[in-house]
Amino acid sequence: MSRNKKSDSPFVYSTNPDFFGDEDSMDDMESLTPAQQDLRLHLDRLKGNKKAVRITGFKGSADEMEALSRQLKQACACGGGAKEDYILLQGDLMDKVKITLTKLGYRFKQSGS
């Protein structure tokens, strides 16, 4: 039996004697209101000369990010999804995304060209 046990915990060592590695607390991120969010919009080129809008900078839980992704996909009539730290929408829909985010009350900036 090996001594090295692999753990999914991001913590390697803590000097705090009262620390207990509660991994569930890392999943609960602080939720911000839409007016407090500071999103970045990127237009990416994918394989086959396809384009996609990537939205980064969302602070909140995975469920809230999935809900925002669902709202954007319905408003823009496109496909896509919410990944670990960004939302990806298929197509060159930058104008529709900007209008929808403004209606929902989010602050954003367009990054890149």
PDB file of N, CA and C in Angstrom:
ATOM      1  N   MET A   1       0.849  -1.172   0.000  1.00  0.00           N
ATOM      2  CA  MET A   1       0.000   0.000   0.000  1.00  0.00           C
ATOM      3  C   MET A   1       0.891   1.230   0.000  1.00  0.00           C
ATOM      4  N   SER A   2       0.559   2.188  -0.844  1.00  0.00           N
ATOM      5  CA  SER A   2       1.408   3.371  -0.944  1.00  0.00           C
ATOM      6  C   SER A   2       1.022   4.401   0.107  1.00  0.00           C
ATOM      7  N   ARG A   3       1.974   5.197   0.459  1.00  0.00           N
ATOM      8  CA  ARG A   3       1.739   6.252   1.446  1.00  0.00           C
ATOM      9  C   ARG A   3       1.053   7.451   0.824  1.00  0.00           C
ATOM     10  N   ASN A   4       1.298   7.687  -0.426  1.00  0.00           N
ATOM     11  CA  ASN A   4       0.765   8.870  -1.084  1.00  0.00           C
ATOM     12  C   ASN A   4      -0.686   8.637  -1.455  1.00  0.00           C
ATOM     13  N   LYS A   5      -1.560   9.300  -0.756  1.00  0.00           N
ATOM     14  CA  LYS A   5      -2.983   9.214  -1.058  1.00  0.00           C
ATOM     15  C   LYS A   5      -3.362  10.469  -1.822  1.00  0.00           C
ATOM     16  N   LYS A   6      -3.989  10.280  -2.941  1.00  0.00           N
ATOM     17  CA  LYS A   6      -4.409  11.431  -3.738  1.00  0.00           C
ATOM     18  C   LYS A   6      -5.725  11.947  -3.194  1.00  0.00           C
ATOM     19  N   SER A   7      -5.794  13.258  -3.055  1.00  0.00           N
ATOM     20  CA  SER A   7      -6.980  13.904  -2.542  1.00  0.00           C
ATOM     21  C   SER A   7      -7.433  14.960  -3.532  1.00  0.00           C
ATOM     22  N   ASP A   8      -8.728  15.200  -3.586  1.00  0.00           N
ATOM     23  CA  ASP A   8      -9.258  16.237  -4.452  1.00  0.00           C
ATOM     24  C   ASP A   8      -9.199  17.607  -3.795  1.00  0.00           C
ATOM     25  N   SER A   9      -8.765  17.673  -2.556  1.00  0.00           N
ATOM     26  CA  SER A   9      -8.702  18.928  -1.831  1.00  0.00           C
ATOM     27  C   SER A   9      -7.578  19.797  -2.374  1.00  0.00           C
ATOM     28  N   PRO A  10      -7.836  21.104  -2.552  1.00  0.00           N
ATOM     29  CA  PRO A  10      -6.780  21.982  -3.036  1.00  0.00           C
ATOM     30  C   PRO A  10      -5.777  22.364  -1.944  1.00  0.00           C
ATOM     31  N   PHE A  11      -6.075  22.026  -0.695  1.00  0.00           N
ATOM     32  CA  PHE A  11      -5.201  22.392   0.411  1.00  0.00           C
ATOM     33  C   PHE A  11      -4.148  21.312   0.623  1.00  0.00           C
ATOM     34  N   VAL A  12      -2.909  21.754   0.734  1.00  0.00           N
ATOM     35  CA  VAL A  12      -1.824  20.822   0.956  1.00  0.00           C
ATOM     36  C   VAL A  12      -1.469  20.794   2.437  1.00  0.00           C
ATOM     37  N   TYR A  13      -1.417  21.974   3.049  1.00  0.00           N
ATOM     38  CA  TYR A  13      -1.000  22.061   4.434  1.00  0.00           C
ATOM     39  C   TYR A  13      -1.605  23.315   5.052  1.00  0.00           C
ATOM     40  N   SER A  14      -2.011  23.232   6.291  1.00  0.00           N
ATOM     41  CA  SER A  14      -2.517  24.392   7.004  1.00  0.00           C
ATOM     42  C   SER A  14      -1.897  24.452   8.386  1.00  0.00           C
ATOM     43  N   THR A  15      -1.505  25.651   8.808  1.00  0.00           N
ATOM     44  CA  THR A  15      -0.935  25.825  10.138  1.00  0.00           C
ATOM     45  C   THR A  15      -2.007  26.129  11.172  1.00  0.00           C
ATOM     46  N   ASN A  16      -3.239  26.283  10.744  1.00  0.00           N
ATOM     47  CA  ASN A  16      -4.342  26.570  11.641  1.00  0.00           C
ATOM     48  C   ASN A  16      -4.776  25.277  12.330  1.00  0.00           C
ATOM     49  N   PRO A  17      -4.671  25.195  13.680  1.00  0.00           N
ATOM     50  CA  PRO A  17      -5.051  23.950  14.360  1.00  0.00           C
ATOM     51  C   PRO A  17      -6.558  23.679  14.325  1.00  0.00           C
ATOM     52  N   ASP A  18      -7.369  24.717  14.103  1.00  0.00           N
ATOM     53  CA  ASP A  18      -8.817  24.541  14.072  1.00  0.00           C
ATOM     54  C   ASP A  18      -9.344  24.305  12.658  1.00  0.00           C
ATOM     55  N   PHE A  19      -8.458  24.153  11.704  1.00  0.00           N
ATOM     56  CA  PHE A  19      -8.874  24.007  10.312  1.00  0.00           C
ATOM     57  C   PHE A  19      -9.307  22.580  10.033  1.00  0.00           C
ATOM     58  N   PHE A  20     -10.463  22.481   9.430  1.00  0.00           N
ATOM     59  CA  PHE A  20     -10.945  21.198   8.944  1.00  0.00           C
ATOM     60  C   PHE A  20     -11.280  21.408   7.477  1.00  0.00           C
ATOM     61  N   GLY A  21     -10.699  20.635   6.627  1.00  0.00           N
ATOM     62  CA  GLY A  21     -10.871  20.800   5.185  1.00  0.00           C
ATOM     63  C   GLY A  21     -12.291  20.531   4.740  1.00  0.00           C
ATOM     64  N   ASP A  22     -13.137  21.530   4.856  1.00  0.00           N
ATOM     65  CA  ASP A  22     -14.520  21.399   4.418  1.00  0.00           C
ATOM     66  C   ASP A  22     -14.592  21.776   2.951  1.00  0.00           C
ATOM     67  N   GLU A  23     -14.602  20.782   2.084  1.00  0.00           N
ATOM     68  CA  GLU A  23     -14.581  21.030   0.652  1.00  0.00           C
ATOM     69  C   GLU A  23     -15.904  21.582   0.153  1.00  0.00           C
ATOM     70  N   ASP A  24     -16.996  21.328   0.874  1.00  0.00           N
ATOM     71  CA  ASP A  24     -18.298  21.807   0.434  1.00  0.00           C
ATOM     72  C   ASP A  24     -18.397  23.321   0.514  1.00  0.00           C
ATOM     73  N   SER A  25     -17.677  23.937   1.435  1.00  0.00           N
ATOM     74  CA  SER A  25     -17.761  25.386   1.585  1.00  0.00           C
ATOM     75  C   SER A  25     -17.127  26.107   0.395  1.00  0.00           C
ATOM     76  N   MET A  26     -16.248  25.434  -0.348  1.00  0.00           N
ATOM     77  CA  MET A  26     -15.625  26.063  -1.510  1.00  0.00           C
ATOM     78  C   MET A  26     -16.605  26.172  -2.667  1.00  0.00           C
ATOM     79  N   ASP A  27     -17.612  25.308  -2.713  1.00  0.00           N
ATOM     80  CA  ASP A  27     -18.578  25.351  -3.796  1.00  0.00           C
ATOM     81  C   ASP A  27     -19.546  26.509  -3.639  1.00  0.00           C
ATOM     82  N   ASP A  28     -19.757  26.976  -2.418  1.00  0.00           N
ATOM     83  CA  ASP A  28     -20.680  28.074  -2.176  1.00  0.00           C
ATOM     84  C   ASP A  28     -19.950  29.394  -2.342  1.00  0.00           C
ATOM     85  N   MET A  29     -20.124  29.996  -3.508  1.00  0.00           N
ATOM     86  CA  MET A  29     -19.496  31.280  -3.754  1.00  0.00           C
ATOM     87  C   MET A  29     -20.468  32.383  -3.369  1.00  0.00           C
ATOM     88  N   GLU A  30     -19.924  33.527  -3.058  1.00  0.00           N
ATOM     89  CA  GLU A  30     -20.744  34.666  -2.688  1.00  0.00           C
ATOM     90  C   GLU A  30     -21.531  35.140  -3.907  1.00  0.00           C
ATOM     91  N   SER A  31     -22.832  35.240  -3.753  1.00  0.00           N
ATOM     92  CA  SER A  31     -23.672  35.680  -4.859  1.00  0.00           C
ATOM     93  C   SER A  31     -23.737  37.204  -4.871  1.00  0.00           C
ATOM     94  N   LEU A  32     -23.594  37.767  -6.054  1.00  0.00           N
ATOM     95  CA  LEU A  32     -23.680  39.202  -6.229  1.00  0.00           C
ATOM     96  C   LEU A  32     -24.922  39.519  -7.047  1.00  0.00           C
ATOM     97  N   THR A  33     -25.468  40.700  -6.848  1.00  0.00           N
ATOM     98  CA  THR A  33     -26.612  41.121  -7.638  1.00  0.00           C
ATOM     99  C   THR A  33     -26.130  41.415  -9.065  1.00  0.00           C
ATOM    100  N   PRO A  34     -27.038  41.421 -10.045  1.00  0.00           N
ATOM    101  CA  PRO A  34     -26.610  41.713 -11.409  1.00  0.00           C
ATOM    102  C   PRO A  34     -25.903  43.062 -11.552  1.00  0.00           C
ATOM    103  N   ALA A  35     -26.302  44.058 -10.788  1.00  0.00           N
ATOM    104  CA  ALA A  35     -25.664  45.370 -10.884  1.00  0.00           C
ATOM    105  C   ALA A  35     -24.238  45.343 -10.333  1.00  0.00           C
ATOM    106  N   GLN A  36     -23.920  44.395  -9.464  1.00  0.00           N
ATOM    107  CA  GLN A  36     -22.578  44.291  -8.892  1.00  0.00           C
ATOM    108  C   GLN A  36     -21.653  43.412  -9.736  1.00  0.00           C
ATOM    109  N   GLN A  37     -22.208  42.636 -10.653  1.00  0.00           N
ATOM    110  CA  GLN A  37     -21.404  41.765 -11.504  1.00  0.00           C
ATOM    111  C   GLN A  37     -20.596  42.617 -12.490  1.00  0.00           C
ATOM    112  N   ASP A  38     -19.417  42.156 -12.824  1.00  0.00           N
ATOM    113  CA  ASP A  38     -18.577  42.825 -13.813  1.00  0.00           C
ATOM    114  C   ASP A  38     -18.154  41.776 -14.839  1.00  0.00           C
ATOM    115  N   LEU A  39     -18.955  41.622 -15.884  1.00  0.00           N
ATOM    116  CA  LEU A  39     -18.746  40.579 -16.877  1.00  0.00           C
ATOM    117  C   LEU A  39     -17.876  41.087 -18.024  1.00  0.00           C
ATOM    118  N   ARG A  40     -17.177  40.177 -18.673  1.00  0.00           N
ATOM    119  CA  ARG A  40     -16.373  40.467 -19.860  1.00  0.00           C
ATOM    120  C   ARG A  40     -16.910  39.626 -21.012  1.00  0.00           C
ATOM    121  N   LEU A  41     -17.080  40.274 -22.171  1.00  0.00           N
ATOM    122  CA  LEU A  41     -17.578  39.601 -23.363  1.00  0.00           C
ATOM    123  C   LEU A  41     -16.437  39.452 -24.361  1.00  0.00           C
ATOM    124  N   HIS A  42     -16.250  38.238 -24.854  1.00  0.00           N
ATOM    125  CA  HIS A  42     -15.198  37.944 -25.821  1.00  0.00           C
ATOM    126  C   HIS A  42     -15.833  37.289 -27.044  1.00  0.00           C
ATOM    127  N   LEU A  43     -15.357  37.633 -28.223  1.00  0.00           N
ATOM    128  CA  LEU A  43     -15.779  36.969 -29.441  1.00  0.00           C
ATOM    129  C   LEU A  43     -14.638  36.058 -29.881  1.00  0.00           C
ATOM    130  N   ASP A  44     -14.868  34.753 -29.830  1.00  0.00           N
ATOM    131  CA  ASP A  44     -13.832  33.767 -30.137  1.00  0.00           C
ATOM    132  C   ASP A  44     -14.090  33.132 -31.494  1.00  0.00           C
ATOM    133  N   ARG A  45     -13.013  32.804 -32.187  1.00  0.00           N
ATOM    134  CA  ARG A  45     -13.099  32.021 -33.419  1.00  0.00           C
ATOM    135  C   ARG A  45     -12.751  30.576 -33.070  1.00  0.00           C
ATOM    136  N   LEU A  46     -13.614  29.678 -33.486  1.00  0.00           N
ATOM    137  CA  LEU A  46     -13.418  28.266 -33.225  1.00  0.00           C
ATOM    138  C   LEU A  46     -13.018  27.563 -34.516  1.00  0.00           C
ATOM    139  N   LYS A  47     -12.902  26.238 -34.444  1.00  0.00           N
ATOM    140  CA  LYS A  47     -12.564  25.463 -35.638  1.00  0.00           C
ATOM    141  C   LYS A  47     -13.627  25.641 -36.710  1.00  0.00           C
ATOM    142  N   GLY A  48     -13.206  25.589 -37.955  1.00  0.00           N
ATOM    143  CA  GLY A  48     -14.132  25.695 -39.061  1.00  0.00           C
ATOM    144  C   GLY A  48     -14.643  27.106 -39.280  1.00  0.00           C
ATOM    145  N   ASN A  49     -13.901  28.105 -38.820  1.00  0.00           N
ATOM    146  CA  ASN A  49     -14.273  29.514 -38.948  1.00  0.00           C
ATOM    147  C   ASN A  49     -15.612  29.821 -38.284  1.00  0.00           C
ATOM    148  N   LYS A  50     -15.925  29.111 -37.208  1.00  0.00           N
ATOM    149  CA  LYS A  50     -17.146  29.380 -36.449  1.00  0.00           C
ATOM    150  C   LYS A  50     -16.824  30.376 -35.344  1.00  0.00           C
ATOM    151  N   LYS A  51     -17.825  31.118 -34.933  1.00  0.00           N
ATOM    152  CA  LYS A  51     -17.633  32.132 -33.892  1.00  0.00           C
ATOM    153  C   LYS A  51     -18.491  31.796 -32.688  1.00  0.00           C
ATOM    154  N   ALA A  52     -18.041  32.264 -31.532  1.00  0.00           N
ATOM    155  CA  ALA A  52     -18.780  32.049 -30.296  1.00  0.00           C
ATOM    156  C   ALA A  52     -18.525  33.223 -29.362  1.00  0.00           C
ATOM    157  N   VAL A  53     -19.525  33.549 -28.565  1.00  0.00           N
ATOM    158  CA  VAL A  53     -19.399  34.602 -27.570  1.00  0.00           C
ATOM    159  C   VAL A  53     -19.101  33.933 -26.231  1.00  0.00           C
ATOM    160  N   ARG A  54     -18.001  34.347 -25.600  1.00  0.00           N
ATOM    161  CA  ARG A  54     -17.607  33.811 -24.300  1.00  0.00           C
ATOM    162  C   ARG A  54     -17.791  34.904 -23.257  1.00  0.00           C
ATOM    163  N   ILE A  55     -18.490  34.581 -22.170  1.00  0.00           N
ATOM    164  CA  ILE A  55     -18.751  35.539 -21.092  1.00  0.00           C
ATOM    165  C   ILE A  55     -18.002  35.064 -19.856  1.00  0.00           C
ATOM    166  N   THR A  56     -17.098  35.882 -19.357  1.00  0.00           N
ATOM    167  CA  THR A  56     -16.306  35.533 -18.181  1.00  0.00           C
ATOM    168  C   THR A  56     -16.574  36.535 -17.066  1.00  0.00           C
ATOM    169  N   GLY A  57     -16.093  36.222 -15.867  1.00  0.00           N
ATOM    170  CA  GLY A  57     -16.184  37.142 -14.745  1.00  0.00           C
ATOM    171  C   GLY A  57     -17.437  36.991 -13.904  1.00  0.00           C
ATOM    172  N   PHE A  58     -18.235  35.949 -14.119  1.00  0.00           N
ATOM    173  CA  PHE A  58     -19.459  35.773 -13.338  1.00  0.00           C
ATOM    174  C   PHE A  58     -19.096  35.279 -11.952  1.00  0.00           C
ATOM    175  N   LYS A  59     -19.635  35.929 -10.942  1.00  0.00           N
ATOM    176  CA  LYS A  59     -19.413  35.531  -9.541  1.00  0.00           C
ATOM    177  C   LYS A  59     -20.731  34.994  -8.996  1.00  0.00           C
ATOM    178  N   GLY A  60     -20.731  33.752  -8.608  1.00  0.00           N
ATOM    179  CA  GLY A  60     -21.940  33.141  -8.074  1.00  0.00           C
ATOM    180  C   GLY A  60     -21.847  31.635  -8.162  1.00  0.00           C
ATOM    181  N   SER A  61     -22.927  30.982  -7.803  1.00  0.00           N
ATOM    182  CA  SER A  61     -22.938  29.524  -7.791  1.00  0.00           C
ATOM    183  C   SER A  61     -23.094  28.988  -9.212  1.00  0.00           C
ATOM    184  N   ALA A  62     -22.854  27.708  -9.355  1.00  0.00           N
ATOM    185  CA  ALA A  62     -22.987  27.067 -10.665  1.00  0.00           C
ATOM    186  C   ALA A  62     -24.436  27.075 -11.132  1.00  0.00           C
ATOM    187  N   ASP A  63     -25.379  26.974 -10.199  1.00  0.00           N
ATOM    188  CA  ASP A  63     -26.789  27.010 -10.568  1.00  0.00           C
ATOM    189  C   ASP A  63     -27.194  28.379 -11.115  1.00  0.00           C
ATOM    190  N   GLU A  64     -26.679  29.446 -10.511  1.00  0.00           N
ATOM    191  CA  GLU A  64     -26.977  30.793 -10.992  1.00  0.00           C
ATOM    192  C   GLU A  64     -26.362  31.029 -12.368  1.00  0.00           C
ATOM    193  N   MET A  65     -25.143  30.499 -12.579  1.00  0.00           N
ATOM    194  CA  MET A  65     -24.509  30.636 -13.880  1.00  0.00           C
ATOM    195  C   MET A  65     -25.293  29.862 -14.940  1.00  0.00           C
ATOM    196  N   GLU A  66     -25.772  28.696 -14.585  1.00  0.00           N
ATOM    197  CA  GLU A  66     -26.575  27.901 -15.517  1.00  0.00           C
ATOM    198  C   GLU A  66     -27.886  28.613 -15.846  1.00  0.00           C
ATOM    199  N   ALA A  67     -28.489  29.271 -14.853  1.00  0.00           N
ATOM    200  CA  ALA A  67     -29.740  30.010 -15.084  1.00  0.00           C
ATOM    201  C   ALA A  67     -29.499  31.191 -16.026  1.00  0.00           C
ATOM    202  N   LEU A  68     -28.398  31.921 -15.836  1.00  0.00           N
ATOM    203  CA  LEU A  68     -28.073  33.023 -16.733  1.00  0.00           C
ATOM    204  C   LEU A  68     -27.797  32.505 -18.139  1.00  0.00           C
ATOM    205  N   SER A  69     -27.093  31.400 -18.244  1.00  0.00           N
ATOM    206  CA  SER A  69     -26.817  30.797 -19.538  1.00  0.00           C
ATOM    207  C   SER A  69     -28.111  30.417 -20.246  1.00  0.00           C
ATOM    208  N   ARG A  70     -29.037  29.849 -19.516  1.00  0.00           N
ATOM    209  CA  ARG A  70     -30.330  29.458 -20.087  1.00  0.00           C
ATOM    210  C   ARG A  70     -31.102  30.684 -20.581  1.00  0.00           C
ATOM    211  N   GLN A  71     -31.098  31.771 -19.803  1.00  0.00           N
ATOM    212  CA  GLN A  71     -31.786  32.998 -20.209  1.00  0.00           C
ATOM    213  C   GLN A  71     -31.174  33.581 -21.479  1.00  0.00           C
ATOM    214  N   LEU A  72     -29.845  33.591 -21.546  1.00  0.00           N
ATOM    215  CA  LEU A  72     -29.170  34.139 -22.721  1.00  0.00           C
ATOM    216  C   LEU A  72     -29.421  33.283 -23.957  1.00  0.00           C
ATOM    217  N   LYS A  73     -29.398  31.964 -23.790  1.00  0.00           N
ATOM    218  CA  LYS A  73     -29.640  31.088 -24.931  1.00  0.00           C
ATOM    219  C   LYS A  73     -31.065  31.239 -25.452  1.00  0.00           C
ATOM    220  N   GLN A  74     -32.030  31.419 -24.569  1.00  0.00           N
ATOM    221  CA  GLN A  74     -33.410  31.608 -25.000  1.00  0.00           C
ATOM    222  C   GLN A  74     -33.598  32.947 -25.693  1.00  0.00           C
ATOM    223  N   ALA A  75     -32.974  33.998 -25.161  1.00  0.00           N
ATOM    224  CA  ALA A  75     -33.124  35.331 -25.736  1.00  0.00           C
ATOM    225  C   ALA A  75     -32.435  35.436 -27.100  1.00  0.00           C
ATOM    226  N   CYS A  76     -31.307  34.744 -27.265  1.00  0.00           N
ATOM    227  CA  CYS A  76     -30.548  34.831 -28.508  1.00  0.00           C
ATOM    228  C   CYS A  76     -30.899  33.708 -29.487  1.00  0.00           C
ATOM    229  N   ALA A  77     -31.704  32.761 -29.070  1.00  0.00           N
ATOM    230  CA  ALA A  77     -32.089  31.621 -29.904  1.00  0.00           C
ATOM    231  C   ALA A  77     -30.855  30.907 -30.447  1.00  0.00           C
ATOM    232  N   CYS A  78     -29.998  30.472 -29.527  1.00  0.00           N
ATOM    233  CA  CYS A  78     -28.757  29.816 -29.932  1.00  0.00           C
ATOM    234  C   CYS A  78     -28.449  28.674 -28.967  1.00  0.00           C
ATOM    235  N   GLY A  79     -27.391  27.957 -29.272  1.00  0.00           N
ATOM    236  CA  GLY A  79     -26.907  26.895 -28.400  1.00  0.00           C
ATOM    237  C   GLY A  79     -25.764  27.403 -27.558  1.00  0.00           C
ATOM    238  N   GLY A  80     -25.276  26.556 -26.699  1.00  0.00           N
ATOM    239  CA  GLY A  80     -24.156  26.923 -25.848  1.00  0.00           C
ATOM    240  C   GLY A  80     -24.280  26.254 -24.511  1.00  0.00           C
ATOM    241  N   GLY A  81     -23.575  26.785 -23.517  1.00  0.00           N
ATOM    242  CA  GLY A  81     -23.632  26.203 -22.194  1.00  0.00           C
ATOM    243  C   GLY A  81     -22.741  26.928 -21.221  1.00  0.00           C
ATOM    244  N   ALA A  82     -22.851  26.516 -19.962  1.00  0.00           N
ATOM    245  CA  ALA A  82     -22.041  27.093 -18.890  1.00  0.00           C
ATOM    246  C   ALA A  82     -20.964  26.086 -18.515  1.00  0.00           C
ATOM    247  N   LYS A  83     -19.728  26.503 -18.610  1.00  0.00           N
ATOM    248  CA  LYS A  83     -18.599  25.664 -18.233  1.00  0.00           C
ATOM    249  C   LYS A  83     -18.182  26.041 -16.814  1.00  0.00           C
ATOM    250  N   GLU A  84     -16.956  25.704 -16.420  1.00  0.00           N
ATOM    251  CA  GLU A  84     -16.486  25.941 -15.059  1.00  0.00           C
ATOM    252  C   GLU A  84     -16.490  27.412 -14.672  1.00  0.00           C
ATOM    253  N   ASP A  85     -15.940  28.258 -15.534  1.00  0.00           N
ATOM    254  CA  ASP A  85     -15.831  29.668 -15.166  1.00  0.00           C
ATOM    255  C   ASP A  85     -16.243  30.614 -16.286  1.00  0.00           C
ATOM    256  N   TYR A  86     -16.969  30.106 -17.286  1.00  0.00           N
ATOM    257  CA  TYR A  86     -17.433  30.973 -18.354  1.00  0.00           C
ATOM    258  C   TYR A  86     -18.703  30.416 -18.984  1.00  0.00           C
ATOM    259  N   ILE A  87     -19.388  31.292 -19.718  1.00  0.00           N
ATOM    260  CA  ILE A  87     -20.580  30.914 -20.473  1.00  0.00           C
ATOM    261  C   ILE A  87     -20.221  31.046 -21.943  1.00  0.00           C
ATOM    262  N   LEU A  88     -20.550  30.036 -22.739  1.00  0.00           N
ATOM    263  CA  LEU A  88     -20.245  30.037 -24.156  1.00  0.00           C
ATOM    264  C   LEU A  88     -21.543  29.984 -24.946  1.00  0.00           C
ATOM    265  N   LEU A  89     -21.708  30.939 -25.865  1.00  0.00           N
ATOM    266  CA  LEU A  89     -22.887  30.998 -26.730  1.00  0.00           C
ATOM    267  C   LEU A  89     -22.433  30.854 -28.176  1.00  0.00           C
ATOM    268  N   GLN A  90     -23.069  29.961 -28.904  1.00  0.00           N
ATOM    269  CA  GLN A  90     -22.656  29.673 -30.270  1.00  0.00           C
ATOM    270  C   GLN A  90     -23.153  30.746 -31.229  1.00  0.00           C
ATOM    271  N   GLY A  91     -22.246  31.260 -32.034  1.00  0.00           N
ATOM    272  CA  GLY A  91     -22.603  32.243 -33.054  1.00  0.00           C
ATOM    273  C   GLY A  91     -22.072  33.625 -32.734  1.00  0.00           C
ATOM    274  N   ASP A  92     -22.118  34.485 -33.747  1.00  0.00           N
ATOM    275  CA  ASP A  92     -21.681  35.872 -33.608  1.00  0.00           C
ATOM    276  C   ASP A  92     -22.886  36.701 -33.157  1.00  0.00           C
ATOM    277  N   LEU A  93     -23.193  36.634 -31.876  1.00  0.00           N
ATOM    278  CA  LEU A  93     -24.402  37.236 -31.317  1.00  0.00           C
ATOM    279  C   LEU A  93     -24.093  38.337 -30.318  1.00  0.00           C
ATOM    280  N   MET A  94     -23.002  39.051 -30.539  1.00  0.00           N
ATOM    281  CA  MET A  94     -22.554  40.042 -29.563  1.00  0.00           C
ATOM    282  C   MET A  94     -23.620  41.106 -29.301  1.00  0.00           C
ATOM    283  N   ASP A  95     -24.292  41.588 -30.328  1.00  0.00           N
ATOM    284  CA  ASP A  95     -25.299  42.636 -30.141  1.00  0.00           C
ATOM    285  C   ASP A  95     -26.488  42.131 -29.323  1.00  0.00           C
ATOM    286  N   LYS A  96     -26.973  40.928 -29.622  1.00  0.00           N
ATOM    287  CA  LYS A  96     -28.102  40.371 -28.878  1.00  0.00           C
ATOM    288  C   LYS A  96     -27.731  40.118 -27.422  1.00  0.00           C
ATOM    289  N   VAL A  97     -26.499  39.661 -27.191  1.00  0.00           N
ATOM    290  CA  VAL A  97     -26.039  39.401 -25.821  1.00  0.00           C
ATOM    291  C   VAL A  97     -25.966  40.702 -25.037  1.00  0.00           C
ATOM    292  N   LYS A  98     -25.458  41.760 -25.651  1.00  0.00           N
ATOM    293  CA  LYS A  98     -25.369  43.054 -24.976  1.00  0.00           C
ATOM    294  C   LYS A  98     -26.753  43.572 -24.602  1.00  0.00           C
ATOM    295  N   ILE A  99     -27.709  43.468 -25.523  1.00  0.00           N
ATOM    296  CA  ILE A  99     -29.071  43.938 -25.250  1.00  0.00           C
ATOM    297  C   ILE A  99     -29.701  43.131 -24.118  1.00  0.00           C
ATOM    298  N   THR A 100     -29.520  41.817 -24.153  1.00  0.00           N
ATOM    299  CA  THR A 100     -30.121  40.951 -23.131  1.00  0.00           C
ATOM    300  C   THR A 100     -29.504  41.201 -21.761  1.00  0.00           C
ATOM    301  N   LEU A 101     -28.178  41.336 -21.695  1.00  0.00           N
ATOM    302  CA  LEU A 101     -27.534  41.594 -20.411  1.00  0.00           C
ATOM    303  C   LEU A 101     -27.941  42.954 -19.849  1.00  0.00           C
ATOM    304  N   THR A 102     -28.127  43.935 -20.721  1.00  0.00           N
ATOM    305  CA  THR A 102     -28.579  45.252 -20.265  1.00  0.00           C
ATOM    306  C   THR A 102     -29.990  45.153 -19.687  1.00  0.00           C
ATOM    307  N   LYS A 103     -30.870  44.415 -20.354  1.00  0.00           N
ATOM    308  CA  LYS A 103     -32.237  44.246 -19.848  1.00  0.00           C
ATOM    309  C   LYS A 103     -32.258  43.526 -18.509  1.00  0.00           C
ATOM    310  N   LEU A 104     -31.336  42.571 -18.322  1.00  0.00           N
ATOM    311  CA  LEU A 104     -31.273  41.828 -17.062  1.00  0.00           C
ATOM    312  C   LEU A 104     -30.566  42.605 -15.960  1.00  0.00           C
ATOM    313  N   GLY A 105     -29.932  43.714 -16.293  1.00  0.00           N
ATOM    314  CA  GLY A 105     -29.311  44.585 -15.288  1.00  0.00           C
ATOM    315  C   GLY A 105     -27.855  44.292 -15.023  1.00  0.00           C
ATOM    316  N   TYR A 106     -27.174  43.545 -15.875  1.00  0.00           N
ATOM    317  CA  TYR A 106     -25.770  43.212 -15.670  1.00  0.00           C
ATOM    318  C   TYR A 106     -24.866  44.301 -16.248  1.00  0.00           C
ATOM    319  N   ARG A 107     -23.725  44.513 -15.592  1.00  0.00           N
ATOM    320  CA  ARG A 107     -22.693  45.392 -16.125  1.00  0.00           C
ATOM    321  C   ARG A 107     -21.722  44.526 -16.909  1.00  0.00           C
ATOM    322  N   PHE A 108     -21.221  45.041 -18.017  1.00  0.00           N
ATOM    323  CA  PHE A 108     -20.291  44.244 -18.826  1.00  0.00           C
ATOM    324  C   PHE A 108     -19.417  45.172 -19.642  1.00  0.00           C
ATOM    325  N   LYS A 109     -18.323  44.610 -20.132  1.00  0.00           N
ATOM    326  CA  LYS A 109     -17.413  45.299 -21.036  1.00  0.00           C
ATOM    327  C   LYS A 109     -17.039  44.310 -22.125  1.00  0.00           C
ATOM    328  N   GLN A 110     -16.893  44.814 -23.339  1.00  0.00           N
ATOM    329  CA  GLN A 110     -16.463  43.972 -24.430  1.00  0.00           C
ATOM    330  C   GLN A 110     -14.941  43.943 -24.450  1.00  0.00           C
ATOM    331  N   SER A 111     -14.369  42.756 -24.413  1.00  0.00           N
ATOM    332  CA  SER A 111     -12.927  42.602 -24.423  1.00  0.00           C
ATOM    333  C   SER A 111     -12.478  42.084 -25.780  1.00  0.00           C
ATOM    334  N   GLY A 112     -11.288  42.425 -26.161  1.00  0.00           N
ATOM    335  CA  GLY A 112     -10.765  41.955 -27.441  1.00  0.00           C
ATOM    336  C   GLY A 112     -11.299  42.795 -28.572  1.00  0.00           C
ATOM    337  N   SER A 113     -11.201  42.246 -29.776  1.00  0.00           N
ATOM    338  CA  SER A 113     -11.650  43.005 -30.947  1.00  0.00           C
ATOM    339  C   SER A 113     -13.045  42.641 -31.367  1.00  0.00           C
TER     340      SER A 113
END
